[in-house]
Structures are given as structure tokens and as C-alpha cells.
Amino acid sequence: MVENKCTHLDEFLKCEVDIIRRHLERHKWYNAIPDEAEGNADFINKYGWLMRELYCGYACPNRETCDLGIKVNITSEAAANTARYQDHPM
């Protein structure tokens, strides 16, 4: 049966929140963002695809069999190419 939703979403979100908490202040400073909510949104917009790729492609216990993880890994190259052309240095 093909899964149409992530069965490890809680673990992924905990990982994502931990990463954001560790890097948010520096991200806000580098990007001159004074607001916490705006900083969160900007961080997720710029790096959310990378966090998904890392979790789904390397950390998720179902990464070998999950159809959703496979889709993320296939599209991650396109996301990386897109990120190179955003208005921030990589």
C-alpha cells in the first residue's frame, strides 16, 4: 500500500524545531530580520527543503521504502538548484 502521509511527522517536526531554535538568532541577524515570526518563516522558506531532504533521505527509519521520502529525494536536486539563485549566498 502506498502511503499518502508521513508516519514519522512528529519526529521530523521535533528535528526541524530543534534546528530552527539553534540557528534562528544568527539567521535573523545575518538577514536583518528583527521579528521572531518573520525570522521563522524566512528560515523555513529558505532551508525547509534541506531539512526535509536530510531527515527523509538520511534519518527516517522508513527512508528505503517510503514513497513520500523518495519523492522528496527526487525533487531535492531541483530545490537545490533553485536555492542557488535566491537572493542570499549559499
PDB file of N, CA and C in Angstrom:
ATOM      1  N   MET A   1       0.847  -1.194   0.000  1.00  0.00           N
ATOM      2  CA  MET A   1       0.000   0.000   0.000  1.00  0.00           C
ATOM      3  C   MET A   1       0.883   1.245   0.000  1.00  0.00           C
ATOM      4  N   VAL A   2       0.558   2.180  -0.833  1.00  0.00           N
ATOM      5  CA  VAL A   2       1.301   3.432  -0.923  1.00  0.00           C
ATOM      6  C   VAL A   2       0.816   4.378   0.179  1.00  0.00           C
ATOM      7  N   GLU A   3       1.776   4.895   0.927  1.00  0.00           N
ATOM      8  CA  GLU A   3       1.438   5.850   1.978  1.00  0.00           C
ATOM      9  C   GLU A   3       1.215   7.213   1.354  1.00  0.00           C
ATOM     10  N   ASN A   4       0.218   7.939   1.833  1.00  0.00           N
ATOM     11  CA  ASN A   4      -0.002   9.291   1.326  1.00  0.00           C
ATOM     12  C   ASN A   4       0.213  10.335   2.411  1.00  0.00           C
ATOM     13  N   LYS A   5       0.725   9.893   3.561  1.00  0.00           N
ATOM     14  CA  LYS A   5       1.103  10.838   4.605  1.00  0.00           C
ATOM     15  C   LYS A   5       2.285  10.259   5.375  1.00  0.00           C
ATOM     16  N   CYS A   6       3.063  11.133   5.921  1.00  0.00           N
ATOM     17  CA  CYS A   6       4.268  10.735   6.659  1.00  0.00           C
ATOM     18  C   CYS A   6       3.870  10.112   7.995  1.00  0.00           C
ATOM     19  N   THR A   7       4.423   8.941   8.277  1.00  0.00           N
ATOM     20  CA  THR A   7       4.145   8.283   9.551  1.00  0.00           C
ATOM     21  C   THR A   7       5.158   8.683  10.629  1.00  0.00           C
ATOM     22  N   HIS A   8       6.142   9.489  10.253  1.00  0.00           N
ATOM     23  CA  HIS A   8       7.161   9.955  11.202  1.00  0.00           C
ATOM     24  C   HIS A   8       7.155  11.483  11.301  1.00  0.00           C
ATOM     25  N   LEU A   9       6.008  12.076  11.067  1.00  0.00           N
ATOM     26  CA  LEU A   9       5.903  13.533  11.057  1.00  0.00           C
ATOM     27  C   LEU A   9       6.296  14.146  12.395  1.00  0.00           C
ATOM     28  N   ASP A  10       5.903  13.532  13.495  1.00  0.00           N
ATOM     29  CA  ASP A  10       6.259  14.077  14.817  1.00  0.00           C
ATOM     30  C   ASP A  10       7.769  14.143  14.998  1.00  0.00           C
ATOM     31  N   GLU A  11       8.477  13.074  14.618  1.00  0.00           N
ATOM     32  CA  GLU A  11       9.936  13.063  14.747  1.00  0.00           C
ATOM     33  C   GLU A  11      10.567  14.115  13.849  1.00  0.00           C
ATOM     34  N   PHE A  12      10.044  14.225  12.624  1.00  0.00           N
ATOM     35  CA  PHE A  12      10.572  15.225  11.694  1.00  0.00           C
ATOM     36  C   PHE A  12      10.381  16.630  12.242  1.00  0.00           C
ATOM     37  N   LEU A  13       9.187  16.933  12.745  1.00  0.00           N
ATOM     38  CA  LEU A  13       8.908  18.274  13.263  1.00  0.00           C
ATOM     39  C   LEU A  13       9.764  18.595  14.488  1.00  0.00           C
ATOM     40  N   LYS A  14       9.995  17.622  15.354  1.00  0.00           N
ATOM     41  CA  LYS A  14      10.880  17.846  16.507  1.00  0.00           C
ATOM     42  C   LYS A  14      12.287  18.182  16.045  1.00  0.00           C
ATOM     43  N   CYS A  15      12.745  17.477  15.038  1.00  0.00           N
ATOM     44  CA  CYS A  15      14.071  17.729  14.475  1.00  0.00           C
ATOM     45  C   CYS A  15      14.129  19.130  13.860  1.00  0.00           C
ATOM     46  N   GLU A  16      13.108  19.487  13.094  1.00  0.00           N
ATOM     47  CA  GLU A  16      13.054  20.794  12.447  1.00  0.00           C
ATOM     48  C   GLU A  16      13.041  21.924  13.466  1.00  0.00           C
ATOM     49  N   VAL A  17      12.234  21.793  14.509  1.00  0.00           N
ATOM     50  CA  VAL A  17      12.151  22.819  15.557  1.00  0.00           C
ATOM     51  C   VAL A  17      13.493  22.971  16.260  1.00  0.00           C
ATOM     52  N   ASP A  18      14.168  21.857  16.531  1.00  0.00           N
ATOM     53  CA  ASP A  18      15.473  21.909  17.184  1.00  0.00           C
ATOM     54  C   ASP A  18      16.482  22.668  16.320  1.00  0.00           C
ATOM     55  N   ILE A  19      16.495  22.392  15.046  1.00  0.00           N
ATOM     56  CA  ILE A  19      17.410  23.079  14.118  1.00  0.00           C
ATOM     57  C   ILE A  19      17.107  24.569  14.069  1.00  0.00           C
ATOM     58  N   ILE A  20      15.849  24.914  13.952  1.00  0.00           N
ATOM     59  CA  ILE A  20      15.465  26.326  13.884  1.00  0.00           C
ATOM     60  C   ILE A  20      15.874  27.045  15.172  1.00  0.00           C
ATOM     61  N   ARG A  21      15.610  26.432  16.313  1.00  0.00           N
ATOM     62  CA  ARG A  21      15.978  27.065  17.591  1.00  0.00           C
ATOM     63  C   ARG A  21      17.472  27.320  17.691  1.00  0.00           C
ATOM     64  N   ARG A  22      18.285  26.375  17.206  1.00  0.00           N
ATOM     65  CA  ARG A  22      19.734  26.538  17.294  1.00  0.00           C
ATOM     66  C   ARG A  22      20.269  27.603  16.356  1.00  0.00           C
ATOM     67  N   HIS A  23      19.583  27.862  15.257  1.00  0.00           N
ATOM     68  CA  HIS A  23      20.141  28.750  14.241  1.00  0.00           C
ATOM     69  C   HIS A  23      19.351  30.038  13.994  1.00  0.00           C
ATOM     70  N   LEU A  24      18.213  30.189  14.624  1.00  0.00           N
ATOM     71  CA  LEU A  24      17.329  31.315  14.305  1.00  0.00           C
ATOM     72  C   LEU A  24      17.953  32.674  14.613  1.00  0.00           C
ATOM     73  N   GLU A  25      18.553  32.834  15.773  1.00  0.00           N
ATOM     74  CA  GLU A  25      19.103  34.149  16.134  1.00  0.00           C
ATOM     75  C   GLU A  25      20.172  34.590  15.135  1.00  0.00           C
ATOM     76  N   ARG A  26      21.052  33.690  14.761  1.00  0.00           N
ATOM     77  CA  ARG A  26      22.095  34.025  13.790  1.00  0.00           C
ATOM     78  C   ARG A  26      21.470  34.320  12.419  1.00  0.00           C
ATOM     79  N   HIS A  27      20.476  33.533  12.044  1.00  0.00           N
ATOM     80  CA  HIS A  27      19.791  33.753  10.764  1.00  0.00           C
ATOM     81  C   HIS A  27      19.134  35.128  10.729  1.00  0.00           C
ATOM     82  N   LYS A  28      18.445  35.486  11.819  1.00  0.00           N
ATOM     83  CA  LYS A  28      17.796  36.798  11.884  1.00  0.00           C
ATOM     84  C   LYS A  28      18.837  37.904  11.796  1.00  0.00           C
ATOM     85  N   TRP A  29      19.959  37.753  12.476  1.00  0.00           N
ATOM     86  CA  TRP A  29      20.999  38.784  12.459  1.00  0.00           C
ATOM     87  C   TRP A  29      21.592  38.935  11.059  1.00  0.00           C
ATOM     88  N   TYR A  30      21.958  37.837  10.414  1.00  0.00           N
ATOM     89  CA  TYR A  30      22.556  37.895   9.076  1.00  0.00           C
ATOM     90  C   TYR A  30      21.612  38.497   8.041  1.00  0.00           C
ATOM     91  N   ASN A  31      20.314  38.271   8.235  1.00  0.00           N
ATOM     92  CA  ASN A  31      19.334  38.747   7.262  1.00  0.00           C
ATOM     93  C   ASN A  31      18.606  40.009   7.711  1.00  0.00           C
ATOM     94  N   ALA A  32      19.061  40.602   8.813  1.00  0.00           N
ATOM     95  CA  ALA A  32      18.477  41.839   9.347  1.00  0.00           C
ATOM     96  C   ALA A  32      16.967  41.710   9.535  1.00  0.00           C
ATOM     97  N   ILE A  33      16.569  40.633  10.186  1.00  0.00           N
ATOM     98  CA  ILE A  33      15.156  40.374  10.461  1.00  0.00           C
ATOM     99  C   ILE A  33      14.939  40.545  11.961  1.00  0.00           C
ATOM    100  N   PRO A  34      14.216  41.578  12.386  1.00  0.00           N
ATOM    101  CA  PRO A  34      14.033  41.801  13.818  1.00  0.00           C
ATOM    102  C   PRO A  34      12.930  40.945  14.444  1.00  0.00           C
ATOM    103  N   ASP A  35      11.967  40.518  13.665  1.00  0.00           N
ATOM    104  CA  ASP A  35      10.781  39.833  14.179  1.00  0.00           C
ATOM    105  C   ASP A  35      10.985  38.315  14.231  1.00  0.00           C
ATOM    106  N   GLU A  36      10.627  37.696  15.351  1.00  0.00           N
ATOM    107  CA  GLU A  36      10.779  36.253  15.545  1.00  0.00           C
ATOM    108  C   GLU A  36       9.955  35.444  14.542  1.00  0.00           C
ATOM    109  N   ALA A  37       8.687  35.791  14.371  1.00  0.00           N
ATOM    110  CA  ALA A  37       7.814  35.054  13.450  1.00  0.00           C
ATOM    111  C   ALA A  37       8.303  35.187  12.011  1.00  0.00           C
ATOM    112  N   GLU A  38       8.706  36.379  11.635  1.00  0.00           N
ATOM    113  CA  GLU A  38       9.223  36.596  10.285  1.00  0.00           C
ATOM    114  C   GLU A  38      10.527  35.816  10.084  1.00  0.00           C
ATOM    115  N   GLY A  39      11.356  35.769  11.109  1.00  0.00           N
ATOM    116  CA  GLY A  39      12.597  35.002  11.047  1.00  0.00           C
ATOM    117  C   GLY A  39      12.339  33.516  10.872  1.00  0.00           C
ATOM    118  N   ASN A  40      11.362  32.989  11.626  1.00  0.00           N
ATOM    119  CA  ASN A  40      10.968  31.585  11.469  1.00  0.00           C
ATOM    120  C   ASN A  40      10.504  31.295  10.051  1.00  0.00           C
ATOM    121  N   ALA A  41       9.616  32.130   9.551  1.00  0.00           N
ATOM    122  CA  ALA A  41       9.073  31.924   8.207  1.00  0.00           C
ATOM    123  C   ALA A  41      10.165  32.002   7.146  1.00  0.00           C
ATOM    124  N   ASP A  42      11.070  32.961   7.290  1.00  0.00           N
ATOM    125  CA  ASP A  42      12.152  33.113   6.327  1.00  0.00           C
ATOM    126  C   ASP A  42      13.093  31.909   6.368  1.00  0.00           C
ATOM    127  N   PHE A  43      13.421  31.441   7.567  1.00  0.00           N
ATOM    128  CA  PHE A  43      14.295  30.280   7.720  1.00  0.00           C
ATOM    129  C   PHE A  43      13.678  29.053   7.058  1.00  0.00           C
ATOM    130  N   ILE A  44      12.399  28.803   7.327  1.00  0.00           N
ATOM    131  CA  ILE A  44      11.717  27.647   6.749  1.00  0.00           C
ATOM    132  C   ILE A  44      11.610  27.782   5.233  1.00  0.00           C
ATOM    133  N   ASN A  45      11.321  28.984   4.758  1.00  0.00           N
ATOM    134  CA  ASN A  45      11.224  29.208   3.316  1.00  0.00           C
ATOM    135  C   ASN A  45      12.555  28.920   2.623  1.00  0.00           C
ATOM    136  N   LYS A  46      13.652  29.334   3.234  1.00  0.00           N
ATOM    137  CA  LYS A  46      14.961  29.171   2.604  1.00  0.00           C
ATOM    138  C   LYS A  46      15.561  27.791   2.822  1.00  0.00           C
ATOM    139  N   TYR A  47      15.310  27.161   3.976  1.00  0.00           N
ATOM    140  CA  TYR A  47      16.012  25.926   4.313  1.00  0.00           C
ATOM    141  C   TYR A  47      15.105  24.734   4.622  1.00  0.00           C
ATOM    142  N   GLY A  48      13.804  24.920   4.539  1.00  0.00           N
ATOM    143  CA  GLY A  48      12.887  23.819   4.822  1.00  0.00           C
ATOM    144  C   GLY A  48      13.103  22.626   3.912  1.00  0.00           C
ATOM    145  N   TRP A  49      13.336  22.871   2.639  1.00  0.00           N
ATOM    146  CA  TRP A  49      13.571  21.782   1.693  1.00  0.00           C
ATOM    147  C   TRP A  49      14.800  20.976   2.098  1.00  0.00           C
ATOM    148  N   LEU A  50      15.823  21.638   2.610  1.00  0.00           N
ATOM    149  CA  LEU A  50      17.041  20.958   3.012  1.00  0.00           C
ATOM    150  C   LEU A  50      16.800  20.099   4.254  1.00  0.00           C
ATOM    151  N   MET A  51      16.047  20.628   5.207  1.00  0.00           N
ATOM    152  CA  MET A  51      15.745  19.854   6.409  1.00  0.00           C
ATOM    153  C   MET A  51      14.927  18.617   6.049  1.00  0.00           C
ATOM    154  N   ARG A  52      13.976  18.765   5.112  1.00  0.00           N
ATOM    155  CA  ARG A  52      13.194  17.611   4.666  1.00  0.00           C
ATOM    156  C   ARG A  52      14.079  16.584   3.977  1.00  0.00           C
ATOM    157  N   GLU A  53      14.971  17.045   3.125  1.00  0.00           N
ATOM    158  CA  GLU A  53      15.860  16.126   2.426  1.00  0.00           C
ATOM    159  C   GLU A  53      16.745  15.360   3.404  1.00  0.00           C
ATOM    160  N   LEU A  54      17.317  16.066   4.370  1.00  0.00           N
ATOM    161  CA  LEU A  54      18.190  15.407   5.331  1.00  0.00           C
ATOM    162  C   LEU A  54      17.436  14.395   6.180  1.00  0.00           C
ATOM    163  N   TYR A  55      16.262  14.779   6.672  1.00  0.00           N
ATOM    164  CA  TYR A  55      15.518  13.840   7.504  1.00  0.00           C
ATOM    165  C   TYR A  55      15.006  12.671   6.668  1.00  0.00           C
ATOM    166  N   CYS A  56      14.312  12.970   5.600  1.00  0.00           N
ATOM    167  CA  CYS A  56      13.692  11.906   4.800  1.00  0.00           C
ATOM    168  C   CYS A  56      14.735  11.034   4.098  1.00  0.00           C
ATOM    169  N   GLY A  57      15.829  11.615   3.693  1.00  0.00           N
ATOM    170  CA  GLY A  57      16.827  10.868   2.951  1.00  0.00           C
ATOM    171  C   GLY A  57      17.857  10.153   3.793  1.00  0.00           C
ATOM    172  N   TYR A  58      18.072  10.609   5.040  1.00  0.00           N
ATOM    173  CA  TYR A  58      19.151  10.036   5.844  1.00  0.00           C
ATOM    174  C   TYR A  58      18.741   9.585   7.231  1.00  0.00           C
ATOM    175  N   ALA A  59      17.759  10.217   7.846  1.00  0.00           N
ATOM    176  CA  ALA A  59      17.446   9.909   9.241  1.00  0.00           C
ATOM    177  C   ALA A  59      16.184   9.069   9.426  1.00  0.00           C
ATOM    178  N   CYS A  60      15.241   9.188   8.543  1.00  0.00           N
ATOM    179  CA  CYS A  60      13.960   8.494   8.706  1.00  0.00           C
ATOM    180  C   CYS A  60      14.150   6.978   8.653  1.00  0.00           C
ATOM    181  N   PRO A  61      13.581   6.267   9.616  1.00  0.00           N
ATOM    182  CA  PRO A  61      13.726   4.816   9.609  1.00  0.00           C
ATOM    183  C   PRO A  61      13.027   4.146   8.417  1.00  0.00           C
ATOM    184  N   ASN A  62      12.098   4.818   7.773  1.00  0.00           N
ATOM    185  CA  ASN A  62      11.388   4.259   6.610  1.00  0.00           C
ATOM    186  C   ASN A  62      11.933   4.775   5.288  1.00  0.00           C
ATOM    187  N   ARG A  63      13.099   5.389   5.279  1.00  0.00           N
ATOM    188  CA  ARG A  63      13.595   6.069   4.086  1.00  0.00           C
ATOM    189  C   ARG A  63      13.763   5.147   2.876  1.00  0.00           C
ATOM    190  N   GLU A  64      14.008   3.862   3.098  1.00  0.00           N
ATOM    191  CA  GLU A  64      14.218   2.943   1.980  1.00  0.00           C
ATOM    192  C   GLU A  64      12.919   2.531   1.296  1.00  0.00           C
ATOM    193  N   THR A  65      11.816   2.598   2.009  1.00  0.00           N
ATOM    194  CA  THR A  65      10.555   2.095   1.457  1.00  0.00           C
ATOM    195  C   THR A  65       9.464   3.150   1.317  1.00  0.00           C
ATOM    196  N   CYS A  66       9.668   4.314   1.857  1.00  0.00           N
ATOM    197  CA  CYS A  66       8.629   5.347   1.865  1.00  0.00           C
ATOM    198  C   CYS A  66       8.538   6.049   0.516  1.00  0.00           C
ATOM    199  N   ASP A  67       7.355   6.014  -0.079  1.00  0.00           N
ATOM    200  CA  ASP A  67       7.145   6.696  -1.360  1.00  0.00           C
ATOM    201  C   ASP A  67       7.273   8.207  -1.219  1.00  0.00           C
ATOM    202  N   LEU A  68       6.872   8.759  -0.079  1.00  0.00           N
ATOM    203  CA  LEU A  68       6.982  10.201   0.124  1.00  0.00           C
ATOM    204  C   LEU A  68       8.439  10.618   0.216  1.00  0.00           C
ATOM    205  N   GLY A  69       9.251   9.848   0.919  1.00  0.00           N
ATOM    206  CA  GLY A  69      10.676  10.135   1.025  1.00  0.00           C
ATOM    207  C   GLY A  69      11.367  10.078  -0.318  1.00  0.00           C
ATOM    208  N   ILE A  70      10.960   9.123  -1.152  1.00  0.00           N
ATOM    209  CA  ILE A  70      11.532   9.009  -2.491  1.00  0.00           C
ATOM    210  C   ILE A  70      11.206  10.258  -3.295  1.00  0.00           C
ATOM    211  N   LYS A  71       9.966  10.737  -3.193  1.00  0.00           N
ATOM    212  CA  LYS A  71       9.575  11.960  -3.908  1.00  0.00           C
ATOM    213  C   LYS A  71      10.403  13.148  -3.442  1.00  0.00           C
ATOM    214  N   VAL A  72      10.642  13.255  -2.130  1.00  0.00           N
ATOM    215  CA  VAL A  72      11.445  14.359  -1.598  1.00  0.00           C
ATOM    216  C   VAL A  72      12.857  14.270  -2.154  1.00  0.00           C
ATOM    217  N   ASN A  73      13.448  13.097  -2.171  1.00  0.00           N
ATOM    218  CA  ASN A  73      14.810  12.940  -2.656  1.00  0.00           C
ATOM    219  C   ASN A  73      14.920  13.229  -4.150  1.00  0.00           C
ATOM    220  N   ILE A  74      13.924  12.863  -4.920  1.00  0.00           N
ATOM    221  CA  ILE A  74      13.938  13.147  -6.355  1.00  0.00           C
ATOM    222  C   ILE A  74      13.854  14.644  -6.602  1.00  0.00           C
ATOM    223  N   THR A  75      13.020  15.334  -5.849  1.00  0.00           N
ATOM    224  CA  THR A  75      12.836  16.760  -6.075  1.00  0.00           C
ATOM    225  C   THR A  75      13.881  17.607  -5.368  1.00  0.00           C
ATOM    226  N   SER A  76      14.701  17.026  -4.509  1.00  0.00           N
ATOM    227  CA  SER A  76      15.668  17.825  -3.756  1.00  0.00           C
ATOM    228  C   SER A  76      16.719  18.455  -4.662  1.00  0.00           C
ATOM    229  N   GLU A  77      17.086  17.789  -5.752  1.00  0.00           N
ATOM    230  CA  GLU A  77      18.059  18.373  -6.676  1.00  0.00           C
ATOM    231  C   GLU A  77      17.494  19.645  -7.297  1.00  0.00           C
ATOM    232  N   ALA A  78      16.229  19.621  -7.660  1.00  0.00           N
ATOM    233  CA  ALA A  78      15.600  20.818  -8.213  1.00  0.00           C
ATOM    234  C   ALA A  78      15.550  21.928  -7.168  1.00  0.00           C
ATOM    235  N   ALA A  79      15.265  21.568  -5.924  1.00  0.00           N
ATOM    236  CA  ALA A  79      15.229  22.569  -4.855  1.00  0.00           C
ATOM    237  C   ALA A  79      16.607  23.173  -4.644  1.00  0.00           C
ATOM    238  N   ALA A  80      17.631  22.354  -4.698  1.00  0.00           N
ATOM    239  CA  ALA A  80      18.993  22.860  -4.522  1.00  0.00           C
ATOM    240  C   ALA A  80      19.360  23.817  -5.642  1.00  0.00           C
ATOM    241  N   ASN A  81      18.996  23.484  -6.855  1.00  0.00           N
ATOM    242  CA  ASN A  81      19.285  24.372  -7.981  1.00  0.00           C
ATOM    243  C   ASN A  81      18.532  25.683  -7.846  1.00  0.00           C
ATOM    244  N   THR A  82      17.301  25.623  -7.376  1.00  0.00           N
ATOM    245  CA  THR A  82      16.513  26.833  -7.173  1.00  0.00           C
ATOM    246  C   THR A  82      17.131  27.699  -6.080  1.00  0.00           C
ATOM    247  N   ALA A  83      17.576  27.067  -4.997  1.00  0.00           N
ATOM    248  CA  ALA A  83      18.137  27.811  -3.865  1.00  0.00           C
ATOM    249  C   ALA A  83      19.385  28.587  -4.270  1.00  0.00           C
ATOM    250  N   ARG A  84      20.141  28.081  -5.211  1.00  0.00           N
ATOM    251  CA  ARG A  84      21.360  28.779  -5.632  1.00  0.00           C
ATOM    252  C   ARG A  84      21.065  30.151  -6.224  1.00  0.00           C
ATOM    253  N   TYR A  85      19.876  30.322  -6.748  1.00  0.00           N
ATOM    254  CA  TYR A  85      19.548  31.571  -7.422  1.00  0.00           C
ATOM    255  C   TYR A  85      18.723  32.523  -6.561  1.00  0.00           C
ATOM    256  N   GLN A  86      18.527  32.163  -5.299  1.00  0.00           N
ATOM    257  CA  GLN A  86      17.815  33.080  -4.410  1.00  0.00           C
ATOM    258  C   GLN A  86      18.729  34.230  -4.057  1.00  0.00           C
ATOM    259  N   ASP A  87      18.174  35.210  -3.397  1.00  0.00           N
ATOM    260  CA  ASP A  87      18.923  36.434  -3.121  1.00  0.00           C
ATOM    261  C   ASP A  87      19.848  36.342  -1.912  1.00  0.00           C
ATOM    262  N   HIS A  88      20.197  35.157  -1.488  1.00  0.00           N
ATOM    263  CA  HIS A  88      21.122  35.005  -0.365  1.00  0.00           C
ATOM    264  C   HIS A  88      22.264  34.080  -0.792  1.00  0.00           C
ATOM    265  N   PRO A  89      23.466  34.279  -0.229  1.00  0.00           N
ATOM    266  CA  PRO A  89      24.589  33.429  -0.606  1.00  0.00           C
ATOM    267  C   PRO A  89      24.432  32.032  -0.050  1.00  0.00           C
ATOM    268  N   MET A  90      24.904  31.051  -0.749  1.00  0.00           N
ATOM    269  CA  MET A  90      24.835  29.653  -0.306  1.00  0.00           C
ATOM    270  C   MET A  90      26.153  29.267   0.307  1.00  0.00           C
TER     271      MET A  90
END
